Amino acid sequence: MISRGRLDMGFVKGVPYEFAASNANPVGVMDRFWEAHDFILKAMTTHDGPFNWEGEFFHYRQVNIWPRPYQQPHPPVWSTTASKTNARVLGERGAVIAVLGSGYNTRALYDAYRAGYASTHNGAVPGADRFAYLALFAIAHNEQEARRRGELVADYLRTGSRVYPPFKNPPGYLSVDDNVRLMRGQTPERSFTKDGRIIDMRTGSVQDLIDSVLMLCGTPDQIYKQIADFVEYTGGLGNLLIMAQAGHLNHADTVDQLTLMAKEVMPRLQELKQPMMAQTAA
């Protein structure tokens, strides 16, 4: 209400190592996730008086939110996934699919989403605004400075995934299909370049991260070309989120990066055939 409808909602199940800290059971997490999702949307869209919710996991009496959501029927819903199964479900429900760290695995996730969307929308093709991608970001007026910033930003990946192994995949957190992929070596820390080369984001060089689109890095011209190539590969990408603040990058460099993106890259994105909307993720 305060923003006059400028709200997008993100629904995520959380990372695996949050379950031990919160004393939650990872078994059935997606069932709880979807029930919570459906309950929230019902609360936002019910207009004929209070209702009771008696679900498998949640129980509420006399639900009646006030004030009503400014956006109708409800604010846009986003959700993240690295699974083709979940991507299809998101497509069936019409939510925005947001992916990160998937690089050149992204097209497969987007295609699964498109198939799910078409199955529940009379064969319609989802617009580019239904797709989002998050990448690390390093930009400067010259390539050498951009690479220096890229090294600092990359430290986020090199340190952020250092988690005690038993907390990385508690029983029940992942589906059977996702566990099969893990046993085949397809871990969340691994991505692929366009030519199929495997990149480990924890140890890859800045060039490796650029090649796998885990990072956008370079001069404004180079950044624009990297974005344009990736949009073409995905078949349509309407929401680009950039991590321009990460790792050991300082405040001054972060401000300069955002300024360069806003002034020298974003205006050019209008040239792309697919509509683009650039956002920042802290």
C-alpha atoms as a PDB file:
ATOM      1  CA  MET A   1       0.000   0.000   0.000  1.00  0.00           C
ATOM      2  CA  ILE A   2       2.805   2.425   0.869  1.00  0.00           C
ATOM      3  CA  SER A   3       4.489   1.870  -2.508  1.00  0.00           C
ATOM      4  CA  ARG A   4       1.194   2.045  -4.448  1.00  0.00           C
ATOM      5  CA  GLY A   5       1.537  -1.461  -5.804  1.00  0.00           C
ATOM      6  CA  ARG A   6       5.274  -1.638  -6.448  1.00  0.00           C
ATOM      7  CA  LEU A   7       5.629  -4.951  -4.642  1.00  0.00           C
ATOM      8  CA  ASP A   8       6.797  -8.292  -6.018  1.00  0.00           C
ATOM      9  CA  MET A   9       6.686 -11.256  -3.615  1.00  0.00           C
ATOM     10  CA  GLY A  10       9.397 -13.892  -3.466  1.00  0.00           C
ATOM     11  CA  PHE A  11       8.569 -17.412  -2.239  1.00  0.00           C
ATOM     12  CA  VAL A  12      11.537 -19.674  -1.439  1.00  0.00           C
ATOM     13  CA  LYS A  13      11.966 -22.799   0.657  1.00  0.00           C
ATOM     14  CA  GLY A  14      15.294 -21.694   2.140  1.00  0.00           C
ATOM     15  CA  VAL A  15      18.782 -23.111   1.875  1.00  0.00           C
ATOM     16  CA  PRO A  16      19.458 -26.544   3.409  1.00  0.00           C
ATOM     17  CA  TYR A  17      21.632 -25.420   6.318  1.00  0.00           C
ATOM     18  CA  GLU A  18      18.806 -23.230   7.679  1.00  0.00           C
ATOM     19  CA  PHE A  19      16.835 -26.302   8.764  1.00  0.00           C
ATOM     20  CA  ALA A  20      19.115 -27.353  11.601  1.00  0.00           C
ATOM     21  CA  ALA A  21      19.329 -23.817  12.955  1.00  0.00           C
ATOM     22  CA  SER A  22      15.536 -23.393  12.903  1.00  0.00           C
ATOM     23  CA  ASN A  23      14.846 -26.913  14.225  1.00  0.00           C
ATOM     24  CA  ALA A  24      12.641 -27.595  11.192  1.00  0.00           C
ATOM     25  CA  ASN A  25      12.045 -30.924   9.479  1.00  0.00           C
ATOM     26  CA  PRO A  26      13.309 -30.912   5.873  1.00  0.00           C
ATOM     27  CA  VAL A  27      11.054 -33.865   4.986  1.00  0.00           C
ATOM     28  CA  GLY A  28       8.051 -32.635   3.050  1.00  0.00           C
ATOM     29  CA  VAL A  29       9.406 -29.118   2.705  1.00  0.00           C
ATOM     30  CA  MET A  30       7.916 -28.637  -0.769  1.00  0.00           C
ATOM     31  CA  ASP A  31       4.487 -29.825   0.381  1.00  0.00           C
ATOM     32  CA  ARG A  32       4.614 -27.227   3.169  1.00  0.00           C
ATOM     33  CA  PHE A  33       5.922 -24.657   0.713  1.00  0.00           C
ATOM     34  CA  TRP A  34       3.026 -25.039  -1.711  1.00  0.00           C
ATOM     35  CA  GLU A  35       0.412 -25.103   1.040  1.00  0.00           C
ATOM     36  CA  ALA A  36       1.838 -21.878   2.463  1.00  0.00           C
ATOM     37  CA  HIS A  37       1.912 -20.382  -1.046  1.00  0.00           C
ATOM     38  CA  ASP A  38      -1.733 -21.300  -1.699  1.00  0.00           C
ATOM     39  CA  PHE A  39      -2.866 -20.041   1.694  1.00  0.00           C
ATOM     40  CA  ILE A  40      -1.204 -16.642   1.246  1.00  0.00           C
ATOM     41  CA  LEU A  41      -2.710 -16.146  -2.202  1.00  0.00           C
ATOM     42  CA  LYS A  42      -6.149 -17.200  -0.974  1.00  0.00           C
ATOM     43  CA  ALA A  43      -5.897 -14.664   1.847  1.00  0.00           C
ATOM     44  CA  MET A  44      -5.012 -11.964  -0.667  1.00  0.00           C
ATOM     45  CA  THR A  45      -7.738 -12.808  -3.175  1.00  0.00           C
ATOM     46  CA  THR A  46     -10.731 -13.691  -0.979  1.00  0.00           C
ATOM     47  CA  HIS A  47     -13.353 -10.925  -1.046  1.00  0.00           C
ATOM     48  CA  ASP A  48     -16.492 -12.599   0.328  1.00  0.00           C
ATOM     49  CA  GLY A  49     -15.704 -12.526   4.023  1.00  0.00           C
ATOM     50  CA  PRO A  50     -13.439 -14.375   6.471  1.00  0.00           C
ATOM     51  CA  PHE A  51     -12.498 -17.995   5.807  1.00  0.00           C
ATOM     52  CA  ASN A  52     -10.982 -20.853   7.778  1.00  0.00           C
ATOM     53  CA  TRP A  53      -7.919 -22.707   6.583  1.00  0.00           C
ATOM     54  CA  GLU A  54      -7.589 -26.333   7.627  1.00  0.00           C
ATOM     55  CA  GLY A  55      -4.621 -27.714   5.713  1.00  0.00           C
ATOM     56  CA  GLU A  56      -2.217 -30.537   6.291  1.00  0.00           C
ATOM     57  CA  PHE A  57       0.392 -28.245   7.851  1.00  0.00           C
ATOM     58  CA  PHE A  58      -1.333 -24.950   8.668  1.00  0.00           C
ATOM     59  CA  HIS A  59      -4.537 -24.122  10.552  1.00  0.00           C
ATOM     60  CA  TYR A  60      -6.023 -20.641  10.755  1.00  0.00           C
ATOM     61  CA  ARG A  61      -9.418 -19.269  11.791  1.00  0.00           C
ATOM     62  CA  GLN A  62     -11.296 -16.250  10.439  1.00  0.00           C
ATOM     63  CA  VAL A  63      -8.677 -15.134   7.933  1.00  0.00           C
ATOM     64  CA  ASN A  64      -9.512 -11.669   6.640  1.00  0.00           C
ATOM     65  CA  ILE A  65      -6.626  -9.352   5.776  1.00  0.00           C
ATOM     66  CA  TRP A  66      -7.068  -5.600   5.822  1.00  0.00           C
ATOM     67  CA  PRO A  67      -6.202  -3.410   4.050  1.00  0.00           C
ATOM     68  CA  ARG A  68      -6.558  -5.322   0.814  1.00  0.00           C
ATOM     69  CA  PRO A  69      -3.559  -5.644  -1.552  1.00  0.00           C
ATOM     70  CA  TYR A  70      -3.161  -2.622  -3.811  1.00  0.00           C
ATOM     71  CA  GLN A  71      -2.319  -4.907  -6.745  1.00  0.00           C
ATOM     72  CA  GLN A  72      -5.139  -7.070  -8.031  1.00  0.00           C
ATOM     73  CA  PRO A  73      -5.664  -9.941  -7.849  1.00  0.00           C
ATOM     74  CA  HIS A  74      -2.379 -10.031  -5.886  1.00  0.00           C
ATOM     75  CA  PRO A  75       1.227  -8.837  -6.214  1.00  0.00           C
ATOM     76  CA  PRO A  76       3.381 -10.782  -8.707  1.00  0.00           C
ATOM     77  CA  VAL A  77       4.932 -13.946  -7.279  1.00  0.00           C
ATOM     78  CA  TRP A  78       8.546 -14.952  -7.868  1.00  0.00           C
ATOM     79  CA  SER A  79      10.244 -18.190  -6.888  1.00  0.00           C
ATOM     80  CA  THR A  80      13.699 -19.646  -7.362  1.00  0.00           C
ATOM     81  CA  THR A  81      14.594 -23.138  -8.515  1.00  0.00           C
ATOM     82  CA  ALA A  82      17.410 -25.202  -9.963  1.00  0.00           C
ATOM     83  CA  SER A  83      15.123 -28.155 -10.746  1.00  0.00           C
ATOM     84  CA  LYS A  84      13.321 -28.784 -14.023  1.00  0.00           C
ATOM     85  CA  THR A  85      10.509 -30.471 -12.068  1.00  0.00           C
ATOM     86  CA  ASN A  86       9.910 -27.380  -9.958  1.00  0.00           C
ATOM     87  CA  ALA A  87      10.408 -25.139 -12.987  1.00  0.00           C
ATOM     88  CA  ARG A  88       7.493 -26.858 -14.694  1.00  0.00           C
ATOM     89  CA  VAL A  89       5.310 -26.418 -11.614  1.00  0.00           C
ATOM     90  CA  LEU A  90       6.166 -22.713 -11.507  1.00  0.00           C
ATOM     91  CA  GLY A  91       5.163 -22.496 -15.154  1.00  0.00           C
ATOM     92  CA  GLU A  92       1.855 -24.213 -14.448  1.00  0.00           C
ATOM     93  CA  ARG A  93       1.165 -21.635 -11.764  1.00  0.00           C
ATOM     94  CA  GLY A  94       2.384 -18.688 -13.820  1.00  0.00           C
ATOM     95  CA  ALA A  95       4.885 -17.383 -11.268  1.00  0.00           C
ATOM     96  CA  VAL A  96       8.091 -15.646 -12.288  1.00  0.00           C
ATOM     97  CA  ILE A  97      10.941 -18.168 -12.364  1.00  0.00           C
ATOM     98  CA  ALA A  98      14.208 -16.821 -10.981  1.00  0.00           C
ATOM     99  CA  VAL A  99      17.424 -18.810 -11.340  1.00  0.00           C
ATOM    100  CA  LEU A 100      20.958 -18.179 -10.158  1.00  0.00           C
ATOM    101  CA  GLY A 101      24.212 -19.951 -10.744  1.00  0.00           C
ATOM    102  CA  SER A 102      22.723 -22.068 -13.531  1.00  0.00           C
ATOM    103  CA  GLY A 103      24.705 -20.547 -16.412  1.00  0.00           C
ATOM    104  CA  TYR A 104      24.225 -22.543 -19.581  1.00  0.00           C
ATOM    105  CA  ASN A 105      21.868 -24.926 -17.790  1.00  0.00           C
ATOM    106  CA  THR A 106      19.340 -22.093 -17.738  1.00  0.00           C
ATOM    107  CA  ARG A 107      17.673 -22.835 -21.071  1.00  0.00           C
ATOM    108  CA  ALA A 108      16.614 -26.304 -19.883  1.00  0.00           C
ATOM    109  CA  LEU A 109      14.965 -24.768 -16.794  1.00  0.00           C
ATOM    110  CA  TYR A 110      13.231 -22.099 -18.863  1.00  0.00           C
ATOM    111  CA  ASP A 111      11.987 -24.672 -21.388  1.00  0.00           C
ATOM    112  CA  ALA A 112      10.530 -26.781 -18.562  1.00  0.00           C
ATOM    113  CA  TYR A 113       8.785 -23.644 -17.313  1.00  0.00           C
ATOM    114  CA  ARG A 114       7.440 -22.911 -20.813  1.00  0.00           C
ATOM    115  CA  ALA A 115       6.040 -26.442 -21.073  1.00  0.00           C
ATOM    116  CA  GLY A 116       4.306 -26.112 -17.710  1.00  0.00           C
ATOM    117  CA  TYR A 117       2.938 -22.680 -18.571  1.00  0.00           C
ATOM    118  CA  ALA A 118       1.528 -23.858 -21.906  1.00  0.00           C
ATOM    119  CA  SER A 119      -0.186 -26.839 -20.223  1.00  0.00           C
ATOM    120  CA  THR A 120      -2.323 -24.570 -18.038  1.00  0.00           C
ATOM    121  CA  HIS A 121      -2.668 -21.519 -20.290  1.00  0.00           C
ATOM    122  CA  ASN A 122      -4.170 -23.072 -23.432  1.00  0.00           C
ATOM    123  CA  GLY A 123      -0.816 -23.451 -25.148  1.00  0.00           C
ATOM    124  CA  ALA A 124       0.161 -19.807 -24.655  1.00  0.00           C
ATOM    125  CA  VAL A 125       3.813 -18.769 -24.645  1.00  0.00           C
ATOM    126  CA  PRO A 126       4.891 -16.960 -21.455  1.00  0.00           C
ATOM    127  CA  GLY A 127       6.242 -13.457 -21.881  1.00  0.00           C
ATOM    128  CA  ALA A 128       9.835 -12.537 -21.171  1.00  0.00           C
ATOM    129  CA  ASP A 129       8.673 -10.915 -17.933  1.00  0.00           C
ATOM    130  CA  ARG A 130       8.124 -14.421 -16.495  1.00  0.00           C
ATOM    131  CA  PHE A 131      11.878 -15.151 -16.540  1.00  0.00           C
ATOM    132  CA  ALA A 132      14.609 -13.835 -14.245  1.00  0.00           C
ATOM    133  CA  TYR A 133      18.324 -14.528 -13.914  1.00  0.00           C
ATOM    134  CA  LEU A 134      20.827 -13.481 -11.251  1.00  0.00           C
ATOM    135  CA  ALA A 135      24.527 -13.012 -12.025  1.00  0.00           C
ATOM    136  CA  LEU A 136      27.486 -11.565 -10.198  1.00  0.00           C
ATOM    137  CA  PHE A 137      28.553  -8.268 -11.733  1.00  0.00           C
ATOM    138  CA  ALA A 138      31.773  -6.345 -12.305  1.00  0.00           C
ATOM    139  CA  ILE A 139      32.006  -3.346 -14.637  1.00  0.00           C
ATOM    140  CA  ALA A 140      34.514  -0.540 -15.201  1.00  0.00           C
ATOM    141  CA  HIS A 141      35.609   1.834 -17.960  1.00  0.00           C
ATOM    142  CA  ASN A 142      38.557  -0.436 -18.773  1.00  0.00           C
ATOM    143  CA  GLU A 143      38.841  -4.214 -18.783  1.00  0.00           C
ATOM    144  CA  GLN A 144      41.746  -4.382 -16.349  1.00  0.00           C
ATOM    145  CA  GLU A 145      39.790  -2.540 -13.648  1.00  0.00           C
ATOM    146  CA  ALA A 146      36.694  -4.638 -14.342  1.00  0.00           C
ATOM    147  CA  ARG A 147      38.719  -7.830 -13.827  1.00  0.00           C
ATOM    148  CA  ARG A 148      40.117  -6.452 -10.560  1.00  0.00           C
ATOM    149  CA  ARG A 149      36.581  -5.829  -9.349  1.00  0.00           C
ATOM    150  CA  GLY A 150      35.552  -9.234 -10.645  1.00  0.00           C
ATOM    151  CA  GLU A 151      38.164 -10.911  -8.449  1.00  0.00           C
ATOM    152  CA  LEU A 152      36.779  -9.129  -5.390  1.00  0.00           C
ATOM    153  CA  VAL A 153      33.172 -10.023  -6.242  1.00  0.00           C
ATOM    154  CA  ALA A 154      34.125 -13.656  -6.964  1.00  0.00           C
ATOM    155  CA  ASP A 155      35.216 -14.076  -3.349  1.00  0.00           C
ATOM    156  CA  TYR A 156      31.511 -14.326  -2.522  1.00  0.00           C
ATOM    157  CA  LEU A 157      31.339 -17.644  -4.386  1.00  0.00           C
ATOM    158  CA  ARG A 158      34.689 -18.832  -3.080  1.00  0.00           C
ATOM    159  CA  THR A 159      33.693 -18.450   0.554  1.00  0.00           C
ATOM    160  CA  GLY A 160      29.885 -18.516   0.698  1.00  0.00           C
ATOM    161  CA  SER A 161      29.518 -22.244   0.028  1.00  0.00           C
ATOM    162  CA  ARG A 162      31.834 -23.403   2.822  1.00  0.00           C
ATOM    163  CA  VAL A 163      29.298 -25.331   4.839  1.00  0.00           C
ATOM    164  CA  TYR A 164      29.708 -28.356   7.105  1.00  0.00           C
ATOM    165  CA  PRO A 165      28.842 -31.315   4.796  1.00  0.00           C
ATOM    166  CA  PRO A 166      26.013 -32.827   6.920  1.00  0.00           C
ATOM    167  CA  PHE A 167      24.154 -29.509   6.686  1.00  0.00           C
ATOM    168  CA  LYS A 168      24.348 -29.298   2.888  1.00  0.00           C
ATOM    169  CA  ASN A 169      21.692 -31.909   2.076  1.00  0.00           C
ATOM    170  CA  PRO A 170      19.586 -32.950   5.087  1.00  0.00           C
ATOM    171  CA  PRO A 171      17.367 -35.992   4.357  1.00  0.00           C
ATOM    172  CA  GLY A 172      14.161 -34.958   2.639  1.00  0.00           C
ATOM    173  CA  TYR A 173      15.333 -31.539   1.498  1.00  0.00           C
ATOM    174  CA  LEU A 174      15.928 -32.559  -2.115  1.00  0.00           C
ATOM    175  CA  SER A 175      13.725 -34.667  -4.366  1.00  0.00           C
ATOM    176  CA  VAL A 176      14.804 -38.119  -5.537  1.00  0.00           C
ATOM    177  CA  ASP A 177      15.634 -36.731  -8.989  1.00  0.00           C
ATOM    178  CA  ASP A 178      17.770 -33.955  -7.515  1.00  0.00           C
ATOM    179  CA  ASN A 179      19.615 -36.440  -5.294  1.00  0.00           C
ATOM    180  CA  VAL A 180      20.314 -38.596  -8.355  1.00  0.00           C
ATOM    181  CA  ARG A 181      21.880 -35.566 -10.033  1.00  0.00           C
ATOM    182  CA  LEU A 182      24.030 -34.965  -6.968  1.00  0.00           C
ATOM    183  CA  MET A 183      25.280 -38.556  -7.015  1.00  0.00           C
ATOM    184  CA  ARG A 184      26.193 -38.053 -10.669  1.00  0.00           C
ATOM    185  CA  GLY A 185      28.370 -35.131  -9.681  1.00  0.00           C
ATOM    186  CA  GLN A 186      25.964 -32.402 -10.775  1.00  0.00           C
ATOM    187  CA  THR A 187      26.355 -30.348  -7.609  1.00  0.00           C
ATOM    188  CA  PRO A 188      24.909 -26.857  -7.110  1.00  0.00           C
ATOM    189  CA  GLU A 189      28.451 -25.468  -7.156  1.00  0.00           C
ATOM    190  CA  ARG A 190      29.044 -26.691 -10.722  1.00  0.00           C
ATOM    191  CA  SER A 191      27.945 -24.929 -13.863  1.00  0.00           C
ATOM    192  CA  PHE A 192      28.682 -25.229 -17.571  1.00  0.00           C
ATOM    193  CA  THR A 193      30.047 -23.029 -20.305  1.00  0.00           C
ATOM    194  CA  LYS A 194      28.364 -22.800 -23.698  1.00  0.00           C
ATOM    195  CA  ASP A 195      30.687 -25.487 -25.062  1.00  0.00           C
ATOM    196  CA  GLY A 196      29.960 -27.853 -22.154  1.00  0.00           C
ATOM    197  CA  ARG A 197      33.053 -27.208 -20.035  1.00  0.00           C
ATOM    198  CA  ILE A 198      32.391 -27.805 -16.321  1.00  0.00           C
ATOM    199  CA  ILE A 199      33.023 -24.859 -14.001  1.00  0.00           C
ATOM    200  CA  ASP A 200      33.209 -25.059 -10.225  1.00  0.00           C
ATOM    201  CA  MET A 201      32.124 -21.653  -8.975  1.00  0.00           C
ATOM    202  CA  ARG A 202      34.171 -22.081  -5.782  1.00  0.00           C
ATOM    203  CA  THR A 203      37.472 -22.393  -7.608  1.00  0.00           C
ATOM    204  CA  GLY A 204      36.881 -20.991 -11.093  1.00  0.00           C
ATOM    205  CA  SER A 205      38.780 -18.000 -12.401  1.00  0.00           C
ATOM    206  CA  VAL A 206      37.026 -14.770 -13.349  1.00  0.00           C
ATOM    207  CA  GLN A 207      37.222 -15.881 -16.979  1.00  0.00           C
ATOM    208  CA  ASP A 208      35.606 -19.207 -16.054  1.00  0.00           C
ATOM    209  CA  LEU A 209      32.790 -17.344 -14.327  1.00  0.00           C
ATOM    210  CA  ILE A 210      32.307 -15.120 -17.370  1.00  0.00           C
ATOM    211  CA  ASP A 211      32.293 -18.110 -19.734  1.00  0.00           C
ATOM    212  CA  SER A 212      29.570 -19.802 -17.667  1.00  0.00           C
ATOM    213  CA  VAL A 213      27.561 -16.559 -17.179  1.00  0.00           C
ATOM    214  CA  LEU A 214      27.920 -16.846 -13.438  1.00  0.00           C
ATOM    215  CA  MET A 215      29.403 -13.357 -13.730  1.00  0.00           C
ATOM    216  CA  LEU A 216      28.945 -10.447 -16.096  1.00  0.00           C
ATOM    217  CA  CYS A 217      32.301  -8.687 -16.217  1.00  0.00           C
ATOM    218  CA  GLY A 218      33.991  -6.120 -18.440  1.00  0.00           C
ATOM    219  CA  THR A 219      33.566  -2.700 -19.968  1.00  0.00           C
ATOM    220  CA  PRO A 220      30.057  -1.388 -20.708  1.00  0.00           C
ATOM    221  CA  ASP A 221      30.362  -2.624 -24.303  1.00  0.00           C
ATOM    222  CA  GLN A 222      31.494  -6.076 -23.154  1.00  0.00           C
ATOM    223  CA  ILE A 223      28.740  -6.269 -20.530  1.00  0.00           C
ATOM    224  CA  TYR A 224      26.113  -5.360 -23.107  1.00  0.00           C
ATOM    225  CA  LYS A 225      27.333  -8.076 -25.483  1.00  0.00           C
ATOM    226  CA  GLN A 226      27.382 -10.681 -22.699  1.00  0.00           C
ATOM    227  CA  ILE A 227      23.803  -9.826 -21.758  1.00  0.00           C
ATOM    228  CA  ALA A 228      22.616  -9.810 -25.380  1.00  0.00           C
ATOM    229  CA  ASP A 229      24.206 -13.214 -26.072  1.00  0.00           C
ATOM    230  CA  PHE A 230      22.672 -14.728 -22.945  1.00  0.00           C
ATOM    231  CA  VAL A 231      19.211 -13.344 -23.663  1.00  0.00           C
ATOM    232  CA  GLU A 232      19.347 -14.895 -27.133  1.00  0.00           C
ATOM    233  CA  TYR A 233      20.452 -18.233 -25.655  1.00  0.00           C
ATOM    234  CA  THR A 234      17.619 -18.320 -23.095  1.00  0.00           C
ATOM    235  CA  GLY A 235      14.934 -17.578 -25.669  1.00  0.00           C
ATOM    236  CA  GLY A 236      13.712 -14.544 -23.757  1.00  0.00           C
ATOM    237  CA  LEU A 237      14.729 -12.995 -20.457  1.00  0.00           C
ATOM    238  CA  GLY A 238      12.795 -10.115 -18.963  1.00  0.00           C
ATOM    239  CA  ASN A 239      14.403  -9.657 -15.536  1.00  0.00           C
ATOM    240  CA  LEU A 240      18.143  -9.378 -15.045  1.00  0.00           C
ATOM    241  CA  LEU A 241      19.278  -9.140 -11.437  1.00  0.00           C
ATOM    242  CA  ILE A 242      22.871  -8.133 -10.800  1.00  0.00           C
ATOM    243  CA  MET A 243      24.983  -8.692  -7.683  1.00  0.00           C
ATOM    244  CA  ALA A 244      27.075  -5.552  -7.985  1.00  0.00           C
ATOM    245  CA  GLN A 245      27.775  -5.638  -4.257  1.00  0.00           C
ATOM    246  CA  ALA A 246      29.427  -8.864  -3.146  1.00  0.00           C
ATOM    247  CA  GLY A 247      32.613 -10.386  -1.811  1.00  0.00           C
ATOM    248  CA  HIS A 248      35.195  -7.813  -0.801  1.00  0.00           C
ATOM    249  CA  LEU A 249      34.104  -5.024  -3.137  1.00  0.00           C
ATOM    250  CA  ASN A 250      34.078  -1.676  -1.330  1.00  0.00           C
ATOM    251  CA  HIS A 251      31.373   0.982  -1.267  1.00  0.00           C
ATOM    252  CA  ALA A 252      33.002   3.346  -3.775  1.00  0.00           C
ATOM    253  CA  ASP A 253      33.461   0.584  -6.363  1.00  0.00           C
ATOM    254  CA  THR A 254      29.889  -0.581  -5.811  1.00  0.00           C
ATOM    255  CA  VAL A 255      28.491   2.916  -6.409  1.00  0.00           C
ATOM    256  CA  ASP A 256      30.602   3.304  -9.555  1.00  0.00           C
ATOM    257  CA  GLN A 257      29.398  -0.065 -10.858  1.00  0.00           C
ATOM    258  CA  LEU A 258      25.741   0.817 -10.375  1.00  0.00           C
ATOM    259  CA  THR A 259      26.286   4.213 -12.007  1.00  0.00           C
ATOM    260  CA  LEU A 260      27.948   2.679 -15.067  1.00  0.00           C
ATOM    261  CA  MET A 261      25.222   0.079 -15.377  1.00  0.00           C
ATOM    262  CA  ALA A 262      22.480   2.705 -15.137  1.00  0.00           C
ATOM    263  CA  LYS A 263      24.034   5.207 -17.537  1.00  0.00           C
ATOM    264  CA  GLU A 264      25.935   3.133 -20.082  1.00  0.00           C
ATOM    265  CA  VAL A 265      24.300  -0.302 -20.241  1.00  0.00           C
ATOM    266  CA  MET A 266      20.633  -0.099 -19.298  1.00  0.00           C
ATOM    267  CA  PRO A 267      19.644   2.402 -22.000  1.00  0.00           C
ATOM    268  CA  ARG A 268      21.138   0.104 -24.636  1.00  0.00           C
ATOM    269  CA  LEU A 269      19.114  -2.877 -23.441  1.00  0.00           C
ATOM    270  CA  GLN A 270      16.128  -1.353 -25.213  1.00  0.00           C
ATOM    271  CA  GLU A 271      17.858  -2.389 -28.430  1.00  0.00           C
ATOM    272  CA  LEU A 272      17.320  -6.058 -27.637  1.00  0.00           C
ATOM    273  CA  LYS A 273      14.389  -7.836 -29.272  1.00  0.00           C
ATOM    274  CA  GLN A 274      13.306  -9.268 -25.938  1.00  0.00           C
ATOM    275  CA  PRO A 275      12.289  -6.681 -23.322  1.00  0.00           C
ATOM    276  CA  MET A 276      14.696  -6.355 -20.452  1.00  0.00           C
ATOM    277  CA  MET A 277      14.325  -5.026 -16.944  1.00  0.00           C
ATOM    278  CA  ALA A 278      17.522  -4.628 -14.951  1.00  0.00           C
ATOM    279  CA  GLN A 279      17.396  -4.802 -11.179  1.00  0.00           C
ATOM    280  CA  THR A 280      20.010  -5.012  -8.462  1.00  0.00           C
ATOM    281  CA  ALA A 281      20.281  -7.592  -5.735  1.00  0.00           C
ATOM    282  CA  ALA A 282      22.215  -6.680  -2.611  1.00  0.00           C
END
